[in-house]
Amino acid sequence: MVDDPDLIAEVSHGEIAVLRLVGSADSAATVALGELLDQIHDELISRKTREVVVDVVALDRMAAACLRQLLTWFGRQHNTADDQRYRIRIRILPTMAWQQSLHALSCFDTNTISIEEIET
């Protein structure tokens, strides 16, 4: 859980896990977001989940410090044993200019990280 009045983080687990971020991920949410991503990583491995969708469609902005938390999570996932690794699909809204920059994140590991643009 992220204890920040400007950021709502909802996590659901199923065959595909979903992390939905809503609001604004400003620098005040950095530590809590990092802790949440660590918890999600551990839970995905524990449940043997093969894919997680990170839905940022309703996220107005993300501070650079929060983007670094995502990169740290990607690094942790990348260093996980091959048989425990999971795919990360980042769902964005292409009309949100800042979300277009997330395409660069998929270059971190093109085998497991992808960007999905949705139309509204």
C-alpha atoms as a PDB file:
ATOM      1  CA  MET A   1       0.000   0.000   0.000  1.00  0.00           C
ATOM      2  CA  VAL A   2       1.197   3.503  -0.776  1.00  0.00           C
ATOM      3  CA  ASP A   3       0.423   5.988   1.976  1.00  0.00           C
ATOM      4  CA  ASP A   4       0.234   9.143  -0.116  1.00  0.00           C
ATOM      5  CA  PRO A   5      -2.879  11.298  -0.565  1.00  0.00           C
ATOM      6  CA  ASP A   6      -2.038  11.960  -4.230  1.00  0.00           C
ATOM      7  CA  LEU A   7      -1.344   8.375  -5.293  1.00  0.00           C
ATOM      8  CA  ILE A   8      -3.597   5.346  -5.219  1.00  0.00           C
ATOM      9  CA  ALA A   9      -2.006   1.963  -5.882  1.00  0.00           C
ATOM     10  CA  GLU A  10      -4.309  -1.016  -6.381  1.00  0.00           C
ATOM     11  CA  VAL A  11      -2.906  -4.523  -6.715  1.00  0.00           C
ATOM     12  CA  SER A  12      -4.872  -7.570  -7.793  1.00  0.00           C
ATOM     13  CA  HIS A  13      -3.567 -11.084  -8.223  1.00  0.00           C
ATOM     14  CA  GLY A  14      -4.843 -13.675 -10.638  1.00  0.00           C
ATOM     15  CA  GLU A  15      -3.398 -15.519 -13.596  1.00  0.00           C
ATOM     16  CA  ILE A  16      -2.073 -12.086 -14.556  1.00  0.00           C
ATOM     17  CA  ALA A  17      -1.406  -9.631 -11.723  1.00  0.00           C
ATOM     18  CA  VAL A  18      -2.351  -5.980 -12.132  1.00  0.00           C
ATOM     19  CA  LEU A  19      -0.835  -2.930 -10.468  1.00  0.00           C
ATOM     20  CA  ARG A  20      -2.995   0.110 -11.159  1.00  0.00           C
ATOM     21  CA  LEU A  21      -1.560   3.531 -10.321  1.00  0.00           C
ATOM     22  CA  VAL A  22      -3.936   6.499 -10.134  1.00  0.00           C
ATOM     23  CA  GLY A  23      -3.281  10.159  -9.384  1.00  0.00           C
ATOM     24  CA  SER A  24       0.190  11.631  -9.123  1.00  0.00           C
ATOM     25  CA  ALA A  25       3.394   9.770  -8.250  1.00  0.00           C
ATOM     26  CA  ASP A  26       5.344  12.721  -6.914  1.00  0.00           C
ATOM     27  CA  SER A  27       8.580  12.604  -4.952  1.00  0.00           C
ATOM     28  CA  ALA A  28       6.683  12.198  -1.662  1.00  0.00           C
ATOM     29  CA  ALA A  29       5.566   8.741  -2.842  1.00  0.00           C
ATOM     30  CA  THR A  30       9.043   7.507  -3.788  1.00  0.00           C
ATOM     31  CA  VAL A  31       9.888   5.397  -0.731  1.00  0.00           C
ATOM     32  CA  ALA A  32       6.404   3.915  -0.412  1.00  0.00           C
ATOM     33  CA  LEU A  33       6.311   3.061  -4.127  1.00  0.00           C
ATOM     34  CA  GLY A  34       9.694   1.336  -3.877  1.00  0.00           C
ATOM     35  CA  GLU A  35       8.503  -0.717  -0.913  1.00  0.00           C
ATOM     36  CA  LEU A  36       5.310  -1.648  -2.764  1.00  0.00           C
ATOM     37  CA  LEU A  37       7.259  -2.771  -5.837  1.00  0.00           C
ATOM     38  CA  ASP A  38       9.503  -4.937  -3.618  1.00  0.00           C
ATOM     39  CA  GLN A  39       6.409  -6.533  -2.060  1.00  0.00           C
ATOM     40  CA  ILE A  40       4.859  -7.116  -5.478  1.00  0.00           C
ATOM     41  CA  HIS A  41       8.064  -8.726  -6.759  1.00  0.00           C
ATOM     42  CA  ASP A  42       8.179 -11.125  -3.807  1.00  0.00           C
ATOM     43  CA  GLU A  43       4.469 -11.925  -4.155  1.00  0.00           C
ATOM     44  CA  LEU A  44       4.748 -12.595  -7.903  1.00  0.00           C
ATOM     45  CA  ILE A  45       7.568 -15.059  -7.303  1.00  0.00           C
ATOM     46  CA  SER A  46       5.735 -16.687  -4.393  1.00  0.00           C
ATOM     47  CA  ARG A  47       2.579 -17.143  -6.483  1.00  0.00           C
ATOM     48  CA  LYS A  48       4.572 -18.166  -9.580  1.00  0.00           C
ATOM     49  CA  THR A  49       2.798 -15.451 -11.552  1.00  0.00           C
ATOM     50  CA  ARG A  50       4.110 -15.197 -15.102  1.00  0.00           C
ATOM     51  CA  GLU A  51       2.951 -11.659 -15.945  1.00  0.00           C
ATOM     52  CA  VAL A  52       2.074  -8.353 -14.302  1.00  0.00           C
ATOM     53  CA  VAL A  53       0.350  -5.397 -15.940  1.00  0.00           C
ATOM     54  CA  VAL A  54       1.359  -1.982 -14.620  1.00  0.00           C
ATOM     55  CA  ASP A  55      -1.559   0.247 -15.554  1.00  0.00           C
ATOM     56  CA  VAL A  56      -0.580   3.936 -15.494  1.00  0.00           C
ATOM     57  CA  VAL A  57      -3.411   5.155 -17.732  1.00  0.00           C
ATOM     58  CA  ALA A  58      -4.938   7.182 -14.870  1.00  0.00           C
ATOM     59  CA  LEU A  59      -1.579   8.452 -13.576  1.00  0.00           C
ATOM     60  CA  ASP A  60      -1.262  12.186 -14.221  1.00  0.00           C
ATOM     61  CA  ARG A  61       2.483  12.359 -13.689  1.00  0.00           C
ATOM     62  CA  MET A  62       5.438  10.460 -12.298  1.00  0.00           C
ATOM     63  CA  ALA A  63       8.439  12.130 -10.694  1.00  0.00           C
ATOM     64  CA  ALA A  64      11.926  11.064 -11.758  1.00  0.00           C
ATOM     65  CA  ALA A  65      12.498   9.518  -8.320  1.00  0.00           C
ATOM     66  CA  CYS A  66       9.482   7.238  -8.831  1.00  0.00           C
ATOM     67  CA  LEU A  67      10.709   6.308 -12.314  1.00  0.00           C
ATOM     68  CA  ARG A  68      13.980   5.255 -10.676  1.00  0.00           C
ATOM     69  CA  GLN A  69      11.972   2.983  -8.379  1.00  0.00           C
ATOM     70  CA  LEU A  70      10.505   1.312 -11.475  1.00  0.00           C
ATOM     71  CA  LEU A  71      14.014   0.842 -12.881  1.00  0.00           C
ATOM     72  CA  THR A  72      15.176  -0.663  -9.584  1.00  0.00           C
ATOM     73  CA  TRP A  73      12.252  -3.108  -9.744  1.00  0.00           C
ATOM     74  CA  PHE A  74      13.116  -3.993 -13.350  1.00  0.00           C
ATOM     75  CA  GLY A  75      16.687  -4.661 -12.271  1.00  0.00           C
ATOM     76  CA  ARG A  76      15.541  -6.895  -9.437  1.00  0.00           C
ATOM     77  CA  GLN A  77      13.275  -8.805 -11.816  1.00  0.00           C
ATOM     78  CA  HIS A  78      16.100  -9.080 -14.369  1.00  0.00           C
ATOM     79  CA  ASN A  79      18.425 -10.581 -11.732  1.00  0.00           C
ATOM     80  CA  THR A  80      15.860 -13.188 -10.700  1.00  0.00           C
ATOM     81  CA  ALA A  81      16.434 -16.781 -11.759  1.00  0.00           C
ATOM     82  CA  ASP A  82      15.078 -17.480 -15.251  1.00  0.00           C
ATOM     83  CA  ASP A  83      12.483 -19.974 -13.989  1.00  0.00           C
ATOM     84  CA  GLN A  84      11.045 -17.340 -11.614  1.00  0.00           C
ATOM     85  CA  ARG A  85      11.044 -14.335 -13.922  1.00  0.00           C
ATOM     86  CA  TYR A  86       7.805 -12.725 -15.014  1.00  0.00           C
ATOM     87  CA  ARG A  87       6.821 -10.394 -17.837  1.00  0.00           C
ATOM     88  CA  ILE A  88       6.031  -6.747 -17.087  1.00  0.00           C
ATOM     89  CA  ARG A  89       3.538  -5.066 -19.396  1.00  0.00           C
ATOM     90  CA  ILE A  90       3.170  -1.313 -18.890  1.00  0.00           C
ATOM     91  CA  ARG A  91      -0.213  -0.041 -20.029  1.00  0.00           C
ATOM     92  CA  ILE A  92      -0.158   3.603 -21.110  1.00  0.00           C
ATOM     93  CA  LEU A  93      -2.463   6.186 -22.621  1.00  0.00           C
ATOM     94  CA  PRO A  94      -0.706   7.504 -25.752  1.00  0.00           C
ATOM     95  CA  THR A  95      -2.397  10.893 -25.480  1.00  0.00           C
ATOM     96  CA  MET A  96      -0.585  11.563 -22.179  1.00  0.00           C
ATOM     97  CA  ALA A  97       2.695  13.115 -23.279  1.00  0.00           C
ATOM     98  CA  TRP A  98       4.730  12.058 -20.237  1.00  0.00           C
ATOM     99  CA  GLN A  99       3.623   8.436 -20.639  1.00  0.00           C
ATOM    100  CA  GLN A 100       5.214   8.314 -24.090  1.00  0.00           C
ATOM    101  CA  SER A 101       8.590   8.478 -22.339  1.00  0.00           C
ATOM    102  CA  LEU A 102       7.853   5.086 -20.798  1.00  0.00           C
ATOM    103  CA  HIS A 103       8.599   3.467 -24.160  1.00  0.00           C
ATOM    104  CA  ALA A 104      12.272   3.878 -23.260  1.00  0.00           C
ATOM    105  CA  LEU A 105      11.769   1.637 -20.218  1.00  0.00           C
ATOM    106  CA  SER A 106      11.006  -1.333 -22.439  1.00  0.00           C
ATOM    107  CA  CYS A 107      14.587  -1.115 -23.719  1.00  0.00           C
ATOM    108  CA  PHE A 108      15.778  -2.163 -20.263  1.00  0.00           C
ATOM    109  CA  ASP A 109      14.889  -5.771 -21.086  1.00  0.00           C
ATOM    110  CA  THR A 110      13.032  -6.263 -24.359  1.00  0.00           C
ATOM    111  CA  ASN A 111      12.357  -9.927 -23.555  1.00  0.00           C
ATOM    112  CA  THR A 112      10.314  -9.245 -20.433  1.00  0.00           C
ATOM    113  CA  ILE A 113       9.199  -5.598 -20.487  1.00  0.00           C
ATOM    114  CA  SER A 114       6.699  -4.285 -22.987  1.00  0.00           C
ATOM    115  CA  ILE A 115       4.497  -1.233 -23.497  1.00  0.00           C
ATOM    116  CA  GLU A 116       0.821  -1.506 -24.342  1.00  0.00           C
ATOM    117  CA  GLU A 117      -0.923   1.602 -25.660  1.00  0.00           C
ATOM    118  CA  ILE A 118      -4.655   1.731 -25.121  1.00  0.00           C
ATOM    119  CA  GLU A 119      -7.180   4.024 -26.780  1.00  0.00           C
ATOM    120  CA  THR A 120     -10.045   5.582 -24.897  1.00  0.00           C
END
